[in-house]
Amino acid sequence: MNFNRLNTLEMETEDHYRKKANVYRTSPEYGKMISLYPILETTIKDCKGEHLVA
């Protein structure tokens, strides 16, 4: 673990966060959450392909 990085306010790269999001979306916990909250699944599908950040 890089402790020096923890003491700075630098953000990770966009690619880093995209990889994290992909891992999260393929996790069993995410699948369970989606199945428990159908409106969340609909909302996520509605936002698919949107460019939400600059």
Protein backbone atom coordinates (compact mmCIF):
# COMPACT_ATOMS: atom_id res chain seq x y z
CA MET A 1 0.00 0.00 0.00
CA ASN A 2 1.29 3.42 -0.93
CA PHE A 3 0.94 5.43 2.28
CA ASN A 4 2.33 8.60 0.72
CA ARG A 5 -0.64 8.73 -1.63
CA LEU A 6 -3.05 8.51 1.32
CA ASN A 7 -1.71 11.79 2.69
CA THR A 8 -2.42 13.76 -0.49
CA LEU A 9 -5.62 15.08 -2.00
CA GLU A 10 -4.86 13.66 -5.44
CA MET A 11 -7.60 11.76 -7.20
CA GLU A 12 -7.03 8.52 -9.05
CA THR A 13 -7.27 8.42 -12.83
CA GLU A 14 -10.59 8.12 -14.64
CA ASP A 15 -9.50 4.67 -15.83
CA HIS A 16 -8.97 3.60 -12.21
CA TYR A 17 -12.53 4.57 -11.28
CA ARG A 18 -13.96 2.91 -14.39
CA LYS A 19 -12.23 -0.35 -13.42
CA LYS A 20 -13.54 -0.05 -9.85
CA ALA A 21 -17.08 0.53 -11.16
CA ASN A 22 -16.83 -2.50 -13.42
CA VAL A 23 -15.69 -4.74 -10.56
CA TYR A 24 -18.53 -3.40 -8.41
CA ARG A 25 -21.18 -3.93 -11.10
CA THR A 26 -20.13 -7.56 -11.53
CA SER A 27 -20.11 -8.36 -7.82
CA PRO A 28 -22.68 -10.66 -6.18
CA GLU A 29 -23.54 -7.86 -3.74
CA TYR A 30 -24.51 -5.55 -6.58
CA GLY A 31 -26.70 -8.23 -8.15
CA LYS A 32 -28.44 -8.82 -4.85
CA MET A 33 -29.00 -5.10 -4.29
CA ILE A 34 -30.48 -4.70 -7.77
CA SER A 35 -32.85 -7.63 -7.23
CA LEU A 36 -34.02 -6.16 -3.91
CA TYR A 37 -34.72 -2.72 -5.35
CA PRO A 38 -36.39 -2.99 -8.79
CA ILE A 39 -36.78 0.79 -9.13
CA LEU A 40 -33.01 1.11 -8.76
CA GLU A 41 -32.53 -1.28 -11.65
CA THR A 42 -34.93 0.75 -13.81
CA THR A 43 -33.19 4.00 -12.91
CA ILE A 44 -29.76 2.56 -13.70
CA LYS A 45 -31.04 1.33 -17.08
CA ASP A 46 -32.52 4.76 -17.81
CA CYS A 47 -29.12 6.39 -17.18
CA LYS A 48 -27.19 3.87 -19.29
CA GLY A 49 -25.12 5.69 -21.87
CA GLU A 50 -25.62 9.13 -20.30
CA HIS A 51 -22.55 11.31 -19.91
CA LEU A 52 -23.10 12.38 -16.28
CA VAL A 53 -19.68 13.88 -15.51
CA ALA A 54 -17.41 16.21 -17.43
